[in-house]
Amino acid sequence: MEVNRINTQSDNCDPGRPTHPGIFPTHEAGKSDHQTAERSVDFPVSVVLPAGGTGERTGLQTPKQFCSFLGRPLISYTIQAFERVSWIQSIVVVVAKENIDLMTDIIQRFQHRKVRVVPGGSTRHRSICNGVLALGEGKEERPVADRPKVVIIHDAVRPFVEEDFLYKIAMAAKDQGAAGAIRPLVSTVIATTSEGYLDHSLERAKYRASEMPQGFTYDVIYQAYQRCSESDFEFGTECLHLALQYCGTNAKLIQGPPTLWKVTYKRDLAAAESIIKETLSQSACVITGGSAQAVSLADALQKAVGGLDMELDVIPDLMGENSRYLLEEWNFIQISVNRSCLSEVEAIVMDLEAANRALLHPMVVIWVHLSGSDELSISGRMVEPKAIMDLASTAKLRNILLYGIQLCQSKDTERWERSALKVAEIMSALIQERSPALVGQLLQA
């Protein structure tokens, strides 16, 4: 009987897709977190991101790497994951010729650095080869320090790659010539006959799933593509196999984290958006203006959010050392006791615009208006909604989402605690959802 294809029998309904793929890094380009800042890479590393796929499995007209969520295309998140690594020298993005202008616009719009766009080929290997060749263009004329020693190849639709793992791949590639990520198989692999019957199955414990990223010394991956056959270019997909077959380089295989999953289907785009929203929603900065009443509410909010998986830092203002929050935080809550203090929110919006951080992720600003019962007259309630709506409309153009919450101060302790809890719940929901449809709304707590 002829064996003609490989199928998989899944142990669960979503093979290879972890329940929670992990935390997406939100650091700015070139900035590493404190856990990886001490890692030293004393050789140049470059990256090739093949992004020429059509995304047929998503069922969308737009290729998945260009599908947007939270105002940015997927490929921009992947580029950011590499740009934030200080020791990565350059990034080559390989796209279909018809998408070069689109990719160039993305790079300019989101101010990506280190990035070069080159046209792809008709197959995955041809596209990766084009990217590798682009890294070597002018190689003889460039200073030795500028030549890539190691090339990392990664999929443009795997945005959740972490610096710690990239470091492992880069170091192993330098030492061994090639290295790649692997993950345990979650499905049983079977071969079928041409008639559609079971031929045999593989012992799952002996096999692993090959994942990205993969790393190579430049000479190994360059020579592999120079020596490989037309059949390899046309039908092959595994770079590690080319390095072994044509260069005799046996890759070091490294167990990868579950964050390496690939956006393949439409539902994966929603999952990726959810992960990024969750990461952006873990903390917030509460600004009191030094008012005793505002501090009292902030303390109550801190207690209330304890069960909502969010941390609150309470500060009087964003001056001096506290200005660091403008570069570290994604969510701000301004508590105002005086009805005329919408200017405080305007100042926060202006500071955030100056910091230019909303370019990569939507920032959230929530104005909490704490008022006495005598201020909630009908005429008084008609004024502020118009003002906050106007400010929110302007801020939204800068990817800053402004919302309002209004509550009445109460001397009744039990009622006050209920109100604080309600504010915390509304605040948490607004931060987590980051809904553009609700900007400018003045909600009642």
Protein backbone atom coordinates (compact mmCIF):
# COMPACT_ATOMS: atom_id res chain seq x y z
CA MET A 1 0.00 0.00 0.00
CA GLU A 2 1.21 3.48 -0.81
CA VAL A 3 1.81 5.88 2.08
CA ASN A 4 1.13 9.37 0.81
CA ARG A 5 0.49 11.79 3.64
CA ILE A 6 0.68 12.45 7.37
CA ASN A 7 -2.34 13.23 9.54
CA THR A 8 -2.65 14.04 13.21
CA GLN A 9 -5.08 12.74 15.76
CA SER A 10 -5.52 15.32 18.46
CA ASP A 11 -5.61 14.66 22.17
CA ASN A 12 -7.71 17.79 22.56
CA CYS A 13 -9.74 20.16 20.42
CA ASP A 14 -6.93 22.66 19.99
CA PRO A 15 -3.57 20.97 19.41
CA GLY A 16 -0.49 23.04 20.09
CA ARG A 17 -2.47 25.92 21.51
CA PRO A 18 -1.74 26.51 25.21
CA THR A 19 -4.50 27.79 27.45
CA HIS A 20 -2.44 30.84 28.35
CA PRO A 21 0.51 31.38 26.01
CA GLY A 22 2.18 33.82 28.36
CA ILE A 23 2.93 37.47 28.82
CA PHE A 24 3.63 39.72 25.88
CA PRO A 25 6.61 42.03 26.40
CA THR A 26 5.54 45.68 26.29
CA HIS A 27 8.95 47.29 26.64
CA GLU A 28 10.03 49.94 24.18
CA ALA A 29 12.49 49.15 21.41
CA GLY A 30 16.00 48.58 22.68
CA LYS A 31 14.90 48.28 26.30
CA SER A 32 15.15 44.96 28.10
CA ASP A 33 13.58 44.10 31.41
CA HIS A 34 15.71 43.80 34.52
CA GLN A 35 15.79 40.00 34.38
CA THR A 36 17.54 39.89 30.99
CA ALA A 37 19.43 43.20 31.05
CA GLU A 38 22.65 41.51 32.25
CA ARG A 39 22.84 39.12 29.30
CA SER A 40 25.84 39.87 27.14
CA VAL A 41 26.03 39.02 23.43
CA ASP A 42 29.40 40.06 22.05
CA PHE A 43 28.71 39.16 18.41
CA PRO A 44 26.30 40.69 15.87
CA VAL A 45 22.90 39.02 15.53
CA SER A 46 20.39 39.70 12.77
CA VAL A 47 16.86 38.43 12.21
CA VAL A 48 14.94 37.25 9.15
CA LEU A 49 11.14 37.37 9.40
CA PRO A 50 9.42 35.59 6.49
CA ALA A 51 6.04 37.29 6.05
CA GLY A 52 4.98 36.36 2.56
CA GLY A 53 2.15 33.98 3.44
CA THR A 54 -1.40 34.46 2.22
CA GLY A 55 -3.06 33.34 5.47
CA GLU A 56 -5.58 31.05 3.76
CA ARG A 57 -6.36 29.15 6.97
CA THR A 58 -7.66 32.26 8.71
CA GLY A 59 -10.41 32.55 6.15
CA LEU A 60 -9.74 36.29 5.87
CA GLN A 61 -8.98 38.32 2.76
CA THR A 62 -6.12 40.10 4.52
CA PRO A 63 -3.00 37.97 5.16
CA LYS A 64 -2.88 37.29 8.89
CA GLN A 65 0.44 39.08 9.42
CA PHE A 66 -1.29 42.29 8.35
CA CYS A 67 -4.50 41.79 10.36
CA SER A 68 -4.87 44.47 13.03
CA PHE A 69 -5.96 44.46 16.65
CA LEU A 70 -5.64 47.26 19.18
CA GLY A 71 -4.81 49.51 16.25
CA ARG A 72 -1.72 47.65 15.02
CA PRO A 73 -1.05 44.84 12.53
CA LEU A 74 0.18 41.55 13.94
CA ILE A 75 3.59 41.82 12.29
CA SER A 76 4.24 45.09 14.12
CA TYR A 77 4.00 43.26 17.46
CA THR A 78 6.49 40.65 16.26
CA ILE A 79 8.93 43.31 15.07
CA GLN A 80 8.60 45.05 18.44
CA ALA A 81 9.51 41.82 20.23
CA PHE A 82 12.88 41.84 18.41
CA GLU A 83 13.48 45.60 18.42
CA ARG A 84 13.31 45.70 22.20
CA VAL A 85 16.35 43.36 22.35
CA SER A 86 19.37 45.63 22.43
CA TRP A 87 21.84 43.06 21.08
CA ILE A 88 19.86 42.38 17.89
CA GLN A 89 21.51 44.41 15.17
CA SER A 90 19.06 44.34 12.27
CA ILE A 91 15.76 42.82 11.12
CA VAL A 92 14.92 41.82 7.55
CA VAL A 93 11.22 41.39 6.82
CA VAL A 94 10.48 39.37 3.70
CA VAL A 95 7.09 40.05 2.10
CA ALA A 96 5.37 39.39 -1.20
CA LYS A 97 6.22 42.01 -3.81
CA GLU A 98 2.65 43.32 -3.83
CA ASN A 99 2.88 44.01 -0.06
CA ILE A 100 6.17 45.91 0.01
CA ASP A 101 4.47 49.32 0.08
CA LEU A 102 2.11 48.16 2.85
CA MET A 103 5.01 46.86 4.93
CA THR A 104 7.00 50.03 4.39
CA ASP A 105 4.02 52.08 5.56
CA ILE A 106 3.73 49.95 8.73
CA ILE A 107 7.40 50.51 9.53
CA GLN A 108 7.07 54.26 9.09
CA ARG A 109 3.75 54.59 10.90
CA PHE A 110 4.89 52.73 14.01
CA GLN A 111 8.43 54.10 13.87
CA HIS A 112 10.13 50.73 13.74
CA ARG A 113 13.89 50.84 13.61
CA LYS A 114 16.53 48.30 12.55
CA VAL A 115 14.09 47.05 9.88
CA ARG A 116 14.62 46.47 6.17
CA VAL A 117 11.99 45.12 3.75
CA VAL A 118 12.90 42.79 0.89
CA PRO A 119 10.72 40.98 -1.66
CA GLY A 120 9.94 37.33 -1.03
CA GLY A 121 9.92 34.32 -3.32
CA SER A 122 7.27 31.87 -4.44
CA THR A 123 7.88 29.50 -1.50
CA ARG A 124 8.90 29.71 2.14
CA HIS A 125 12.50 28.63 1.52
CA ARG A 126 12.89 31.04 -1.39
CA SER A 127 11.67 33.89 0.81
CA ILE A 128 13.99 33.01 3.70
CA CYS A 129 16.87 32.68 1.24
CA ASN A 130 16.15 36.19 -0.05
CA GLY A 131 16.28 37.47 3.51
CA VAL A 132 19.59 35.74 4.22
CA LEU A 133 21.08 37.09 1.01
CA ALA A 134 19.93 40.60 1.92
CA LEU A 135 21.87 40.36 5.19
CA GLY A 136 25.00 39.49 3.24
CA GLU A 137 24.73 42.20 0.60
CA GLY A 138 27.89 44.27 0.66
CA LYS A 139 29.27 41.87 3.25
CA GLU A 140 32.84 42.22 2.03
CA GLU A 141 32.72 46.02 2.09
CA ARG A 142 31.22 46.35 5.55
CA PRO A 143 33.36 46.42 8.72
CA VAL A 144 33.72 43.00 10.37
CA ALA A 145 31.81 44.24 13.43
CA ASP A 146 28.76 44.95 11.23
CA ARG A 147 28.57 41.52 9.64
CA PRO A 148 25.99 39.16 11.19
CA LYS A 149 27.62 36.27 12.98
CA VAL A 150 24.28 34.65 13.81
CA VAL A 151 21.00 34.80 11.90
CA ILE A 152 17.76 34.13 13.76
CA ILE A 153 14.84 33.01 11.59
CA HIS A 154 11.39 33.48 13.05
CA ASP A 155 7.79 33.53 11.83
CA ALA A 156 6.18 36.95 11.50
CA VAL A 157 3.00 35.53 13.03
CA ARG A 158 4.61 34.40 16.32
CA PRO A 159 4.58 37.67 18.31
CA PHE A 160 5.14 36.22 21.79
CA VAL A 161 8.83 35.40 21.62
CA GLU A 162 10.84 36.36 24.70
CA GLU A 163 14.38 37.69 24.96
CA ASP A 164 15.51 34.97 27.32
CA PHE A 165 14.76 32.29 24.74
CA LEU A 166 16.24 34.31 21.89
CA TYR A 167 19.45 34.49 23.90
CA LYS A 168 19.54 30.70 24.27
CA ILE A 169 19.03 30.23 20.54
CA ALA A 170 21.66 32.81 19.59
CA MET A 171 24.32 31.38 21.91
CA ALA A 172 23.65 27.79 20.87
CA ALA A 173 23.73 28.76 17.19
CA LYS A 174 27.09 30.47 17.64
CA ASP A 175 28.55 27.44 19.40
CA GLN A 176 26.97 24.65 17.32
CA GLY A 177 26.32 26.32 13.97
CA ALA A 178 22.56 25.81 14.23
CA ALA A 179 19.91 25.70 16.93
CA GLY A 180 16.14 25.45 17.00
CA ALA A 181 13.13 25.47 19.26
CA ILE A 182 11.15 22.30 19.88
CA ARG A 183 7.94 21.55 21.75
CA PRO A 184 6.37 18.26 22.86
CA LEU A 185 3.87 16.80 20.44
CA VAL A 186 0.32 17.13 21.70
CA SER A 187 -1.16 14.96 18.96
CA THR A 188 -0.53 11.43 17.77
CA VAL A 189 1.00 11.42 14.29
CA ILE A 190 -0.37 8.83 11.84
CA ALA A 191 0.29 7.95 8.21
CA THR A 192 -2.58 7.06 5.89
CA THR A 193 -2.77 5.02 2.74
CA SER A 194 -3.81 6.40 -0.63
CA GLU A 195 -7.23 4.82 0.01
CA GLY A 196 -7.68 6.76 3.22
CA TYR A 197 -6.94 3.98 5.72
CA LEU A 198 -4.53 3.92 8.64
CA ASP A 199 -1.08 2.69 7.65
CA HIS A 200 0.87 3.23 10.87
CA SER A 201 1.38 5.64 13.73
CA LEU A 202 4.51 7.06 15.31
CA GLU A 203 5.48 6.71 18.94
CA ARG A 204 4.82 10.22 20.14
CA ALA A 205 7.40 10.13 22.97
CA LYS A 206 10.22 9.82 20.41
CA TYR A 207 9.25 12.89 18.38
CA ARG A 208 9.06 16.63 18.90
CA ALA A 209 7.39 19.49 17.07
CA SER A 210 9.86 21.83 15.37
CA GLU A 211 9.08 25.45 16.23
CA MET A 212 10.51 28.90 15.68
CA PRO A 213 12.82 30.69 16.33
CA GLN A 214 15.80 28.95 14.78
CA GLY A 215 19.34 30.26 14.72
CA PHE A 216 22.32 29.68 12.44
CA THR A 217 25.74 31.10 11.90
CA TYR A 218 25.52 33.16 8.74
CA ASP A 219 27.94 30.90 6.87
CA VAL A 220 25.93 27.75 7.65
CA ILE A 221 22.53 29.05 6.52
CA TYR A 222 24.05 30.82 3.50
CA GLN A 223 25.87 27.67 2.34
CA ALA A 224 22.80 25.52 2.97
CA TYR A 225 20.76 27.62 0.58
CA GLN A 226 23.55 27.74 -1.99
CA ARG A 227 23.78 23.93 -2.05
CA CYS A 228 20.17 22.83 -1.67
CA SER A 229 18.11 21.47 -4.57
CA GLU A 230 15.19 22.96 -6.48
CA SER A 231 13.00 20.35 -4.80
CA ASP A 232 14.07 21.68 -1.40
CA PHE A 233 13.22 25.22 -2.46
CA GLU A 234 9.87 24.16 -3.85
CA PHE A 235 8.59 21.74 -1.21
CA GLY A 236 10.79 22.02 1.87
CA THR A 237 9.92 23.95 5.04
CA GLU A 238 12.59 22.96 7.60
CA CYS A 239 15.75 25.10 7.74
CA LEU A 240 17.43 22.85 10.32
CA HIS A 241 17.20 19.94 7.88
CA LEU A 242 19.00 21.96 5.17
CA ALA A 243 21.82 22.78 7.58
CA LEU A 244 22.22 19.10 8.43
CA GLN A 245 21.91 17.73 4.91
CA TYR A 246 24.06 20.24 3.06
CA CYS A 247 26.48 21.51 5.72
CA GLY A 248 26.69 18.56 8.08
CA THR A 249 25.63 20.85 10.93
CA ASN A 250 23.56 19.02 13.53
CA ALA A 251 21.41 21.59 15.29
CA LYS A 252 21.18 21.94 19.04
CA LEU A 253 17.49 21.51 19.95
CA ILE A 254 16.16 23.59 22.82
CA GLN A 255 12.87 23.07 24.61
CA GLY A 256 10.83 26.20 23.97
CA PRO A 257 8.22 27.87 26.18
CA PRO A 258 4.50 27.63 25.36
CA THR A 259 4.60 31.29 24.25
CA LEU A 260 5.99 30.22 20.87
CA TRP A 261 2.57 29.40 19.44
CA LYS A 262 1.71 30.59 15.97
CA VAL A 263 -1.28 32.67 14.88
CA THR A 264 -2.83 30.34 12.33
CA TYR A 265 -6.59 30.65 12.51
CA LYS A 266 -9.00 33.55 12.94
CA ARG A 267 -9.60 32.61 16.58
CA ASP A 268 -5.86 32.96 17.22
CA LEU A 269 -6.04 36.67 16.39
CA ALA A 270 -8.66 37.10 19.11
CA ALA A 271 -6.48 35.12 21.52
CA ALA A 272 -3.46 37.30 20.72
CA GLU A 273 -5.48 40.46 21.33
CA SER A 274 -6.72 39.07 24.64
CA ILE A 275 -3.16 38.29 25.79
CA ILE A 276 -1.92 41.78 24.99
CA LYS A 277 -4.94 43.38 26.69
CA GLU A 278 -4.30 41.29 29.78
CA THR A 279 -0.65 42.31 29.85
CA LEU A 280 -1.50 46.00 29.53
CA SER A 281 -4.12 45.73 32.28
CA GLN A 282 -2.06 44.39 35.16
CA SER A 283 -1.46 47.73 36.86
CA ALA A 284 -2.50 51.37 36.95
CA CYS A 285 -1.30 54.65 38.42
CA VAL A 286 -3.74 56.63 40.58
CA ILE A 287 -3.13 60.37 40.84
CA THR A 288 -4.75 62.12 43.78
CA GLY A 289 -3.53 65.70 43.48
CA GLY A 290 -2.74 65.55 47.19
CA SER A 291 -6.39 65.89 48.24
CA ALA A 292 -7.29 64.03 51.44
CA GLN A 293 -10.64 62.95 49.95
CA ALA A 294 -8.95 61.69 46.80
CA VAL A 295 -6.36 59.80 48.86
CA SER A 296 -9.18 58.21 50.85
CA LEU A 297 -10.85 57.02 47.65
CA ALA A 298 -7.53 55.78 46.26
CA ASP A 299 -6.94 53.72 49.40
CA ALA A 300 -10.43 52.22 49.06
CA LEU A 301 -9.75 51.42 45.40
CA GLN A 302 -6.49 49.70 46.30
CA LYS A 303 -8.37 47.38 48.63
CA ALA A 304 -11.15 46.79 46.11
CA VAL A 305 -8.88 45.82 43.19
CA GLY A 306 -7.13 43.20 45.29
CA GLY A 307 -9.53 40.58 43.95
CA LEU A 308 -9.43 41.92 40.40
CA ASP A 309 -5.82 40.95 39.57
CA MET A 310 -4.64 44.53 39.27
CA GLU A 311 -2.06 46.57 41.18
CA LEU A 312 -2.48 50.27 41.88
CA ASP A 313 0.28 52.74 42.63
CA VAL A 314 -1.02 55.89 44.34
CA ILE A 315 0.91 59.14 43.82
CA PRO A 316 0.05 62.81 44.34
CA ASP A 317 1.18 63.95 40.87
CA LEU A 318 3.41 63.15 37.90
CA MET A 319 6.16 65.58 38.85
CA GLY A 320 9.78 64.84 39.71
CA GLU A 321 10.52 61.16 40.27
CA ASN A 322 6.88 60.31 39.67
CA SER A 323 7.25 61.32 36.03
CA ARG A 324 8.78 57.88 35.43
CA TYR A 325 5.23 56.49 35.39
CA LEU A 326 4.70 58.23 32.07
CA LEU A 327 7.34 55.88 30.63
CA GLU A 328 6.36 52.76 32.55
CA GLU A 329 2.59 52.67 32.99
CA TRP A 330 -0.21 52.12 30.46
CA ASN A 331 -3.17 53.14 32.65
CA PHE A 332 -3.78 56.34 34.61
CA ILE A 333 -6.60 57.27 36.98
CA GLN A 334 -7.00 60.92 37.90
CA ILE A 335 -9.18 61.52 40.96
CA SER A 336 -10.61 65.02 41.04
CA VAL A 337 -12.58 66.45 43.93
CA ASN A 338 -13.20 69.88 42.45
CA ARG A 339 -15.52 69.93 39.43
CA SER A 340 -13.21 72.34 37.62
CA CYS A 341 -10.29 69.90 37.63
CA LEU A 342 -10.76 68.48 34.15
CA SER A 343 -7.60 70.48 33.42
CA GLU A 344 -5.69 67.85 35.40
CA VAL A 345 -6.79 65.23 32.88
CA GLU A 346 -5.84 67.51 30.01
CA ALA A 347 -2.35 67.76 31.50
CA ILE A 348 -2.02 63.94 31.67
CA VAL A 349 -3.13 63.59 28.06
CA MET A 350 -0.59 66.20 26.98
CA ASP A 351 2.18 64.45 28.93
CA LEU A 352 1.31 61.11 27.33
CA GLU A 353 1.27 62.66 23.88
CA ALA A 354 4.74 64.07 24.53
CA ALA A 355 6.02 60.66 25.67
CA ASN A 356 4.75 59.17 22.36
CA ARG A 357 4.16 55.76 23.95
CA ALA A 358 0.58 55.43 22.69
CA LEU A 359 2.03 54.82 19.25
CA LEU A 360 2.55 51.14 20.15
CA HIS A 361 -0.27 50.44 22.60
CA PRO A 362 -3.49 52.29 23.48
CA MET A 363 -3.13 54.21 26.74
CA VAL A 364 -6.07 54.47 29.14
CA VAL A 365 -6.88 57.55 31.19
CA ILE A 366 -9.85 57.45 33.57
CA TRP A 367 -11.13 60.64 35.16
CA VAL A 368 -12.84 59.88 38.47
CA HIS A 369 -14.93 62.84 39.60
CA LEU A 370 -15.62 62.67 43.31
CA SER A 371 -18.41 65.09 44.13
CA GLY A 372 -20.67 66.08 46.98
CA SER A 373 -24.40 65.44 46.69
CA ASP A 374 -25.14 69.13 46.23
CA GLU A 375 -23.02 69.21 43.04
CA LEU A 376 -25.14 66.65 41.23
CA SER A 377 -27.80 69.05 40.10
CA ILE A 378 -29.28 68.53 36.67
CA SER A 379 -27.55 71.61 35.32
CA GLY A 380 -24.22 70.53 36.78
CA ARG A 381 -24.45 67.12 35.18
CA MET A 382 -25.03 68.59 31.74
CA VAL A 383 -21.75 70.48 31.65
CA GLU A 384 -18.99 67.93 32.27
CA PRO A 385 -20.14 65.19 29.82
CA LYS A 386 -19.74 67.63 26.92
CA ALA A 387 -16.30 68.71 28.11
CA ILE A 388 -14.99 65.19 28.62
CA MET A 389 -16.41 64.05 25.28
CA ASP A 390 -14.58 66.81 23.45
CA LEU A 391 -11.31 66.02 25.22
CA ALA A 392 -11.75 62.29 24.65
CA SER A 393 -12.36 62.77 20.93
CA THR A 394 -9.10 64.66 20.59
CA ALA A 395 -7.16 62.16 22.73
CA LYS A 396 -8.52 59.22 20.75
CA LEU A 397 -6.76 60.52 17.66
CA ARG A 398 -3.49 59.96 19.56
CA ASN A 399 -4.52 56.42 20.66
CA ILE A 400 -5.26 57.64 24.20
CA LEU A 401 -8.58 56.32 25.48
CA LEU A 402 -10.26 58.66 27.95
CA TYR A 403 -13.21 57.61 30.11
CA GLY A 404 -15.03 59.24 33.01
CA ILE A 405 -16.57 57.91 36.22
CA GLN A 406 -18.63 60.06 38.54
CA LEU A 407 -19.57 59.16 42.09
CA CYS A 408 -21.02 60.94 45.07
CA GLN A 409 -19.12 61.00 48.32
CA SER A 410 -21.02 59.44 51.22
CA LYS A 411 -20.52 59.61 54.97
CA ASP A 412 -22.17 56.20 55.29
CA THR A 413 -19.22 53.76 55.54
CA GLU A 414 -21.04 50.77 54.06
CA ARG A 415 -22.41 52.79 51.17
CA TRP A 416 -19.00 54.34 50.55
CA GLU A 417 -17.32 50.92 50.38
CA ARG A 418 -19.95 49.70 47.92
CA SER A 419 -19.37 52.77 45.76
CA ALA A 420 -15.60 52.27 45.83
CA LEU A 421 -16.03 48.64 44.81
CA LYS A 422 -18.29 49.65 41.95
CA VAL A 423 -15.74 52.24 40.78
CA ALA A 424 -13.01 49.60 40.93
CA GLU A 425 -15.08 47.16 38.87
CA ILE A 426 -15.93 49.77 36.22
CA MET A 427 -12.33 50.96 36.16
CA SER A 428 -11.00 47.40 35.77
CA ALA A 429 -13.44 46.63 32.96
CA LEU A 430 -12.56 49.81 31.06
CA ILE A 431 -8.84 49.11 31.37
CA GLN A 432 -9.16 45.47 30.35
CA GLU A 433 -11.46 46.02 27.39
CA ARG A 434 -9.87 49.23 26.07
CA SER A 435 -12.98 49.87 24.03
CA PRO A 436 -12.84 52.86 21.67
CA ALA A 437 -16.66 52.87 21.59
CA LEU A 438 -16.87 53.99 25.23
CA VAL A 439 -14.39 56.87 25.15
CA GLY A 440 -15.79 60.13 26.43
CA GLN A 441 -18.56 58.47 28.43
CA LEU A 442 -19.17 59.74 31.96
CA LEU A 443 -20.34 56.69 33.86
CA GLN A 444 -22.19 56.81 37.17
CA ALA A 445 -20.94 54.70 40.08
